[in-house]
């Protein structure tokens, strides 16, 4: 995920990879909360929040959101989804409209527009 400009040592990179692994294992679960991730990593919510913000430069909610949006783009690039509703569900968003707005804010176009542009390119 997006990290601060400073370089991370191997232990810090490994910790962020553990966060990513947890998120990937629970990607379709829209009910994942910070407490779940912190518990899985054997730390308090507050320490998890501090450490993630220090290493990634993002709050946990921002980090999770960006992780989900990146996964959505990966699914789109691989052509693994047929609709925005399916895409949103596969990356843990309960409301496709909300997901589309976030996707547009992050990538500059709505997922349906991206899907159509790929169809036109074929």
Protein backbone atom coordinates (compact mmCIF):
# COMPACT_ATOMS: atom_id res chain seq x y z
CA UNK A 1 0.00 0.00 0.00
CA UNK A 2 0.89 3.65 -0.11
CA UNK A 3 3.66 4.34 2.36
CA UNK A 4 5.51 7.38 3.59
CA UNK A 5 8.55 8.45 1.60
CA UNK A 6 10.96 7.09 4.19
CA UNK A 7 12.28 3.59 3.75
CA UNK A 8 10.94 0.84 5.96
CA UNK A 9 13.18 -1.73 7.56
CA UNK A 10 12.46 -5.45 6.93
CA UNK A 11 10.55 -5.87 10.21
CA UNK A 12 8.29 -2.94 9.36
CA UNK A 13 7.71 -4.27 5.84
CA UNK A 14 6.90 -7.70 7.27
CA UNK A 15 4.37 -6.18 9.68
CA UNK A 16 2.63 -4.30 6.86
CA UNK A 17 2.58 -7.54 4.85
CA UNK A 18 0.84 -9.24 7.79
CA UNK A 19 -1.78 -6.48 7.76
CA UNK A 20 -2.21 -6.96 4.00
CA UNK A 21 -2.51 -10.74 4.41
CA UNK A 22 -5.23 -10.31 7.00
CA UNK A 23 -7.08 -7.87 4.76
CA UNK A 24 -6.76 -10.15 1.74
CA UNK A 25 -8.06 -13.13 3.71
CA UNK A 26 -11.08 -11.04 4.71
CA UNK A 27 -11.48 -8.98 1.54
CA UNK A 28 -15.15 -9.83 0.97
CA UNK A 29 -16.12 -9.14 4.59
CA UNK A 30 -17.51 -5.61 4.75
CA UNK A 31 -17.76 -5.90 8.55
CA UNK A 32 -14.00 -5.97 9.21
CA UNK A 33 -13.16 -3.48 11.93
CA UNK A 34 -9.89 -2.22 13.34
CA UNK A 35 -10.35 -4.27 16.51
CA UNK A 36 -10.41 -7.50 14.44
CA UNK A 37 -7.14 -6.68 12.72
CA UNK A 38 -5.45 -5.55 15.93
CA UNK A 39 -6.57 -8.73 17.70
CA UNK A 40 -5.25 -10.88 14.84
CA UNK A 41 -1.89 -9.12 15.16
CA UNK A 42 -1.87 -9.46 18.97
CA UNK A 43 -1.95 -5.77 19.76
CA UNK A 44 -4.31 -3.17 21.14
CA UNK A 45 -6.40 -1.08 18.79
CA UNK A 46 -4.59 2.07 19.85
CA UNK A 47 -1.14 0.58 19.23
CA UNK A 48 -2.29 -0.79 15.89
CA UNK A 49 -3.62 2.63 14.93
CA UNK A 50 -0.38 4.36 15.93
CA UNK A 51 1.89 1.86 14.22
CA UNK A 52 -0.06 1.79 10.96
CA UNK A 53 -0.27 5.56 10.84
CA UNK A 54 3.47 5.84 11.50
CA UNK A 55 4.47 3.26 8.86
CA UNK A 56 1.90 3.88 6.14
CA UNK A 57 1.05 7.52 6.75
CA UNK A 58 -2.65 6.62 6.71
CA UNK A 59 -5.29 5.95 9.32
CA UNK A 60 -6.40 2.32 9.48
CA UNK A 61 -9.69 3.16 7.76
CA UNK A 62 -7.87 4.97 4.95
CA UNK A 63 -5.44 2.08 4.61
CA UNK A 64 -8.24 -0.50 4.41
CA UNK A 65 -10.13 1.62 1.89
CA UNK A 66 -7.07 2.03 -0.34
CA UNK A 67 -6.29 -1.67 -0.04
CA UNK A 68 -9.83 -2.56 -1.16
CA UNK A 69 -9.70 -0.09 -4.05
CA UNK A 70 -6.38 -1.52 -5.23
CA UNK A 71 -7.84 -5.02 -5.11
CA UNK A 72 -10.84 -3.78 -7.10
CA UNK A 73 -8.54 -2.39 -9.78
CA UNK A 74 -6.63 -5.68 -9.89
CA UNK A 75 -9.92 -7.56 -10.42
CA UNK A 76 -10.90 -5.15 -13.18
CA UNK A 77 -7.54 -5.50 -14.91
CA UNK A 78 -7.82 -9.29 -14.76
CA UNK A 79 -11.35 -9.16 -16.17
CA UNK A 80 -12.68 -11.21 -13.28
CA UNK A 81 -15.94 -9.30 -12.73
CA UNK A 82 -19.01 -8.61 -14.83
CA UNK A 83 -20.70 -5.82 -12.89
CA UNK A 84 -19.97 -3.04 -10.46
CA UNK A 85 -22.24 -4.71 -7.91
CA UNK A 86 -20.18 -7.91 -8.09
CA UNK A 87 -16.93 -5.94 -7.94
CA UNK A 88 -18.03 -3.98 -4.88
CA UNK A 89 -19.09 -7.16 -3.09
CA UNK A 90 -15.84 -8.96 -3.92
CA UNK A 91 -13.77 -6.22 -2.30
CA UNK A 92 -15.95 -5.77 0.76
CA UNK A 93 -18.18 -2.82 -0.06
CA UNK A 94 -21.83 -3.26 0.84
CA UNK A 95 -23.13 -0.35 -1.25
CA UNK A 96 -22.06 -0.29 -4.94
CA UNK A 97 -22.87 3.43 -5.29
CA UNK A 98 -20.59 4.35 -2.40
CA UNK A 99 -17.89 2.09 -3.82
CA UNK A 100 -18.21 3.75 -7.24
CA UNK A 101 -17.78 7.22 -5.73
CA UNK A 102 -14.68 6.13 -3.80
CA UNK A 103 -13.26 4.42 -6.88
CA UNK A 104 -13.82 7.55 -8.95
CA UNK A 105 -12.17 9.71 -6.32
CA UNK A 106 -9.14 7.43 -6.26
CA UNK A 107 -8.76 6.52 -9.95
CA UNK A 108 -10.51 9.40 -11.72
CA UNK A 109 -13.28 7.36 -13.31
CA UNK A 110 -16.14 5.17 -12.18
CA UNK A 111 -15.61 1.41 -12.36
CA UNK A 112 -18.33 1.04 -15.01
CA UNK A 113 -16.53 3.59 -17.18
CA UNK A 114 -13.29 1.68 -16.72
CA UNK A 115 -15.03 -1.57 -17.68
CA UNK A 116 -16.51 0.03 -20.82
CA UNK A 117 -13.16 1.52 -21.82
CA UNK A 118 -11.61 -1.96 -21.63
CA UNK A 119 -14.42 -3.44 -23.73
CA UNK A 120 -13.91 -0.71 -26.35
CA UNK A 121 -10.18 -1.46 -26.45
CA UNK A 122 -10.82 -5.07 -27.47
